Amino acid sequence: MPSIGEAEFASILLRYTHLDNEEMAEYIQRVRERMPEEKGISFEIFKDFFQFINHLDDFEIVLRMYTFADQPITQAEFCRAVHVTTGHNLDEHVVHTVFQIFDKDGDGKLSQKEFLGVMKNRIHRGFREHLKKPKGWDGFKACVRKELRDAS
């Protein structure tokens, strides 16, 4: 397939966040309701967006300035902030889709809480598992026990 649907894009974007299944279903349902006709997102557009996600820390600084000014960010300002912080130009449709996913109140603007509150935890894409493992002496003991079990 040359593209994926907007609901599928939302599902991929929300994967590895700290949302429970019910909250995730809410986000995806919001996209389905607000965008009943799928235009689709191509691989190139998808790739460009995820390049932006890899530079989310830089974007957060810009978004924080809007928050300090008590101003939510519009789609045009979002695109401009992405270009300034990452050098990427995002497709207008993918930005519109992102706004449909994260704009809870439907005002056409994103706040730092609406977008970054969800996306900051996603940036590690599940690679935080090593932080949950015991360290030091407890980690050594756990490793030895595991090796002894596996050797049996």
C-alpha atoms as a PDB file:
ATOM      1  CA  MET A   1       0.000   0.000   0.000  1.00  0.00           C
ATOM      2  CA  PRO A   2       1.317   3.456  -0.832  1.00  0.00           C
ATOM      3  CA  SER A   3      -0.035   5.017   2.370  1.00  0.00           C
ATOM      4  CA  ILE A   4      -1.560   4.343   5.777  1.00  0.00           C
ATOM      5  CA  GLY A   5      -4.774   5.775   7.161  1.00  0.00           C
ATOM      6  CA  GLU A   6      -4.879   8.587   9.676  1.00  0.00           C
ATOM      7  CA  ALA A   7      -6.230   6.294  12.422  1.00  0.00           C
ATOM      8  CA  GLU A   8      -3.351   3.871  11.776  1.00  0.00           C
ATOM      9  CA  PHE A   9      -0.921   6.782  11.958  1.00  0.00           C
ATOM     10  CA  ALA A  10      -2.448   7.785  15.311  1.00  0.00           C
ATOM     11  CA  SER A  11      -2.101   4.241  16.576  1.00  0.00           C
ATOM     12  CA  ILE A  12       1.579   4.101  15.597  1.00  0.00           C
ATOM     13  CA  LEU A  13       2.219   7.541  17.063  1.00  0.00           C
ATOM     14  CA  LEU A  14       0.619   6.637  20.382  1.00  0.00           C
ATOM     15  CA  ARG A  15       2.416   3.307  20.682  1.00  0.00           C
ATOM     16  CA  TYR A  16       4.823   3.187  23.649  1.00  0.00           C
ATOM     17  CA  THR A  17       3.139   6.090  25.400  1.00  0.00           C
ATOM     18  CA  HIS A  18       1.863   5.787  28.933  1.00  0.00           C
ATOM     19  CA  LEU A  19      -1.755   5.858  27.814  1.00  0.00           C
ATOM     20  CA  ASP A  20      -3.965   2.977  28.806  1.00  0.00           C
ATOM     21  CA  ASN A  21      -6.045   1.201  26.158  1.00  0.00           C
ATOM     22  CA  GLU A  22      -9.157   3.271  26.891  1.00  0.00           C
ATOM     23  CA  GLU A  23      -7.331   6.600  26.527  1.00  0.00           C
ATOM     24  CA  MET A  24      -5.626   5.439  23.339  1.00  0.00           C
ATOM     25  CA  ALA A  25      -8.986   4.393  21.901  1.00  0.00           C
ATOM     26  CA  GLU A  26     -10.275   7.920  22.687  1.00  0.00           C
ATOM     27  CA  TYR A  27      -7.482   9.529  20.666  1.00  0.00           C
ATOM     28  CA  ILE A  28      -7.996   7.184  17.724  1.00  0.00           C
ATOM     29  CA  GLN A  29     -11.772   7.641  17.812  1.00  0.00           C
ATOM     30  CA  ARG A  30     -11.283  11.423  17.778  1.00  0.00           C
ATOM     31  CA  VAL A  31      -9.296  11.107  14.547  1.00  0.00           C
ATOM     32  CA  ARG A  32     -11.940   8.864  12.976  1.00  0.00           C
ATOM     33  CA  GLU A  33     -14.709  11.315  13.872  1.00  0.00           C
ATOM     34  CA  ARG A  34     -12.861  14.456  12.777  1.00  0.00           C
ATOM     35  CA  MET A  35     -11.407  12.924   9.594  1.00  0.00           C
ATOM     36  CA  PRO A  36     -14.042  10.530   8.234  1.00  0.00           C
ATOM     37  CA  GLU A  37     -12.548  10.533   4.731  1.00  0.00           C
ATOM     38  CA  GLU A  38      -9.044   9.130   4.713  1.00  0.00           C
ATOM     39  CA  LYS A  39      -6.507  10.877   2.552  1.00  0.00           C
ATOM     40  CA  GLY A  40      -3.660   8.692   3.793  1.00  0.00           C
ATOM     41  CA  ILE A  41      -0.094   9.359   4.866  1.00  0.00           C
ATOM     42  CA  SER A  42       2.718   8.210   2.592  1.00  0.00           C
ATOM     43  CA  PHE A  43       5.930   6.655   3.821  1.00  0.00           C
ATOM     44  CA  GLU A  44       7.944   9.784   2.968  1.00  0.00           C
ATOM     45  CA  ILE A  45       5.611  12.011   4.977  1.00  0.00           C
ATOM     46  CA  PHE A  46       5.611   9.457   7.798  1.00  0.00           C
ATOM     47  CA  LYS A  47       9.431   9.342   7.783  1.00  0.00           C
ATOM     48  CA  ASP A  48       9.722  13.146   7.857  1.00  0.00           C
ATOM     49  CA  PHE A  49       7.366  13.353  10.805  1.00  0.00           C
ATOM     50  CA  PHE A  50       9.304  10.781  12.788  1.00  0.00           C
ATOM     51  CA  GLN A  51      12.542  12.634  12.055  1.00  0.00           C
ATOM     52  CA  PHE A  52      10.858  15.558  13.786  1.00  0.00           C
ATOM     53  CA  ILE A  53       9.856  13.327  16.726  1.00  0.00           C
ATOM     54  CA  ASN A  54      13.537  12.457  17.184  1.00  0.00           C
ATOM     55  CA  HIS A  55      14.205  16.184  17.778  1.00  0.00           C
ATOM     56  CA  LEU A  56      11.330  16.732  20.158  1.00  0.00           C
ATOM     57  CA  ASP A  57      13.528  18.297  22.861  1.00  0.00           C
ATOM     58  CA  ASP A  58      14.416  21.227  20.594  1.00  0.00           C
ATOM     59  CA  PHE A  59      10.773  21.696  19.660  1.00  0.00           C
ATOM     60  CA  GLU A  60       9.789  21.638  23.339  1.00  0.00           C
ATOM     61  CA  ILE A  61      11.784  24.829  23.937  1.00  0.00           C
ATOM     62  CA  VAL A  62       9.768  26.679  21.303  1.00  0.00           C
ATOM     63  CA  LEU A  63       6.483  25.281  22.563  1.00  0.00           C
ATOM     64  CA  ARG A  64       7.409  26.260  26.116  1.00  0.00           C
ATOM     65  CA  MET A  65       7.776  29.888  24.968  1.00  0.00           C
ATOM     66  CA  TYR A  66       4.182  29.798  23.739  1.00  0.00           C
ATOM     67  CA  THR A  67       3.142  28.333  27.081  1.00  0.00           C
ATOM     68  CA  PHE A  68       4.917  31.117  28.993  1.00  0.00           C
ATOM     69  CA  ALA A  69       3.025  33.612  26.839  1.00  0.00           C
ATOM     70  CA  ASP A  70      -0.158  31.656  27.674  1.00  0.00           C
ATOM     71  CA  GLN A  71      -0.746  31.036  23.961  1.00  0.00           C
ATOM     72  CA  PRO A  72      -1.627  27.726  22.349  1.00  0.00           C
ATOM     73  CA  ILE A  73       0.063  27.010  19.003  1.00  0.00           C
ATOM     74  CA  THR A  74      -1.706  27.011  15.623  1.00  0.00           C
ATOM     75  CA  GLN A  75      -0.953  24.637  12.747  1.00  0.00           C
ATOM     76  CA  ALA A  76       1.027  27.304  10.859  1.00  0.00           C
ATOM     77  CA  GLU A  77       3.069  28.155  13.960  1.00  0.00           C
ATOM     78  CA  PHE A  78       3.628  24.439  14.588  1.00  0.00           C
ATOM     79  CA  CYS A  79       5.030  24.002  11.060  1.00  0.00           C
ATOM     80  CA  ARG A  80       7.247  27.049  11.437  1.00  0.00           C
ATOM     81  CA  ALA A  81       8.536  25.892  14.852  1.00  0.00           C
ATOM     82  CA  VAL A  82       9.318  22.439  13.430  1.00  0.00           C
ATOM     83  CA  HIS A  83      11.236  24.001  10.543  1.00  0.00           C
ATOM     84  CA  VAL A  84      13.204  26.318  12.839  1.00  0.00           C
ATOM     85  CA  THR A  85      14.101  23.594  15.349  1.00  0.00           C
ATOM     86  CA  THR A  86      14.756  20.659  13.014  1.00  0.00           C
ATOM     87  CA  GLY A  87      15.138  22.051   9.495  1.00  0.00           C
ATOM     88  CA  HIS A  88      12.308  19.778   8.310  1.00  0.00           C
ATOM     89  CA  ASN A  89       9.209  20.960   6.488  1.00  0.00           C
ATOM     90  CA  LEU A  90       6.268  18.834   7.529  1.00  0.00           C
ATOM     91  CA  ASP A  91       3.408  18.067   5.197  1.00  0.00           C
ATOM     92  CA  GLU A  92       0.293  20.139   5.998  1.00  0.00           C
ATOM     93  CA  HIS A  93      -1.893  17.026   6.058  1.00  0.00           C
ATOM     94  CA  VAL A  94       0.234  15.254   8.674  1.00  0.00           C
ATOM     95  CA  VAL A  95       0.236  18.405  10.827  1.00  0.00           C
ATOM     96  CA  HIS A  96      -3.551  18.632  10.460  1.00  0.00           C
ATOM     97  CA  THR A  97      -3.779  14.949  11.459  1.00  0.00           C
ATOM     98  CA  VAL A  98      -1.586  15.536  14.524  1.00  0.00           C
ATOM     99  CA  PHE A  99      -3.840  18.402  15.566  1.00  0.00           C
ATOM    100  CA  GLN A 100      -6.897  16.159  15.192  1.00  0.00           C
ATOM    101  CA  ILE A 101      -5.232  13.537  17.392  1.00  0.00           C
ATOM    102  CA  PHE A 102      -4.055  15.805  20.200  1.00  0.00           C
ATOM    103  CA  ASP A 103      -6.443  18.780  20.195  1.00  0.00           C
ATOM    104  CA  LYS A 104      -8.777  17.566  22.937  1.00  0.00           C
ATOM    105  CA  ASP A 105     -10.935  20.671  23.156  1.00  0.00           C
ATOM    106  CA  GLY A 106     -11.265  21.074  19.380  1.00  0.00           C
ATOM    107  CA  ASP A 107     -10.155  24.724  19.317  1.00  0.00           C
ATOM    108  CA  GLY A 108      -7.741  24.133  16.430  1.00  0.00           C
ATOM    109  CA  LYS A 109      -4.723  24.859  18.615  1.00  0.00           C
ATOM    110  CA  LEU A 110      -2.348  22.719  20.641  1.00  0.00           C
ATOM    111  CA  SER A 111      -1.077  23.408  24.095  1.00  0.00           C
ATOM    112  CA  GLN A 112       2.149  22.006  25.490  1.00  0.00           C
ATOM    113  CA  LYS A 113       0.102  19.733  27.741  1.00  0.00           C
ATOM    114  CA  GLU A 114      -1.984  18.344  24.877  1.00  0.00           C
ATOM    115  CA  PHE A 115       0.968  17.391  22.668  1.00  0.00           C
ATOM    116  CA  LEU A 116       4.185  17.115  24.651  1.00  0.00           C
ATOM    117  CA  GLY A 117       2.470  15.667  27.702  1.00  0.00           C
ATOM    118  CA  VAL A 118       1.807  12.541  25.663  1.00  0.00           C
ATOM    119  CA  MET A 119       4.761  12.568  23.260  1.00  0.00           C
ATOM    120  CA  LYS A 120       7.673  13.092  25.682  1.00  0.00           C
ATOM    121  CA  ASN A 121       7.372   9.563  27.050  1.00  0.00           C
ATOM    122  CA  ARG A 122       7.028   8.118  23.569  1.00  0.00           C
ATOM    123  CA  ILE A 123      10.387   9.362  22.316  1.00  0.00           C
ATOM    124  CA  HIS A 124      12.208   6.465  23.948  1.00  0.00           C
ATOM    125  CA  ARG A 125       9.952   3.987  22.115  1.00  0.00           C
ATOM    126  CA  GLY A 126      10.185   1.300  24.760  1.00  0.00           C
ATOM    127  CA  PHE A 127      13.933   1.508  25.199  1.00  0.00           C
ATOM    128  CA  ARG A 128      13.585   2.344  28.885  1.00  0.00           C
ATOM    129  CA  GLU A 129      13.340  -1.302  29.898  1.00  0.00           C
ATOM    130  CA  HIS A 130      16.974  -1.286  30.990  1.00  0.00           C
ATOM    131  CA  LEU A 131      16.115   1.353  33.599  1.00  0.00           C
ATOM    132  CA  LYS A 132      13.710  -1.047  35.321  1.00  0.00           C
ATOM    133  CA  LYS A 133      16.331  -3.746  35.823  1.00  0.00           C
ATOM    134  CA  PRO A 134      18.139  -3.916  39.142  1.00  0.00           C
ATOM    135  CA  LYS A 135      21.632  -2.455  39.308  1.00  0.00           C
ATOM    136  CA  GLY A 136      24.674  -2.997  41.455  1.00  0.00           C
ATOM    137  CA  TRP A 137      24.782  -6.022  43.745  1.00  0.00           C
ATOM    138  CA  ASP A 138      21.065  -6.794  43.250  1.00  0.00           C
ATOM    139  CA  GLY A 139      21.559  -6.726  39.494  1.00  0.00           C
ATOM    140  CA  PHE A 140      24.561  -9.040  39.742  1.00  0.00           C
ATOM    141  CA  LYS A 141      22.604 -11.541  41.883  1.00  0.00           C
ATOM    142  CA  ALA A 142      19.652 -11.426  39.483  1.00  0.00           C
ATOM    143  CA  CYS A 143      21.992 -12.049  36.549  1.00  0.00           C
ATOM    144  CA  VAL A 144      23.647 -15.034  38.266  1.00  0.00           C
ATOM    145  CA  ARG A 145      20.255 -16.527  39.158  1.00  0.00           C
ATOM    146  CA  LYS A 146      19.085 -16.107  35.563  1.00  0.00           C
ATOM    147  CA  GLU A 147      22.232 -17.722  34.179  1.00  0.00           C
ATOM    148  CA  LEU A 148      21.933 -20.662  36.609  1.00  0.00           C
ATOM    149  CA  ARG A 149      18.278 -21.163  35.629  1.00  0.00           C
ATOM    150  CA  ASP A 150      19.101 -21.003  31.925  1.00  0.00           C
ATOM    151  CA  ALA A 151      21.990 -23.458  32.331  1.00  0.00           C
ATOM    152  CA  SER A 152      19.720 -26.065  33.993  1.00  0.00           C
END
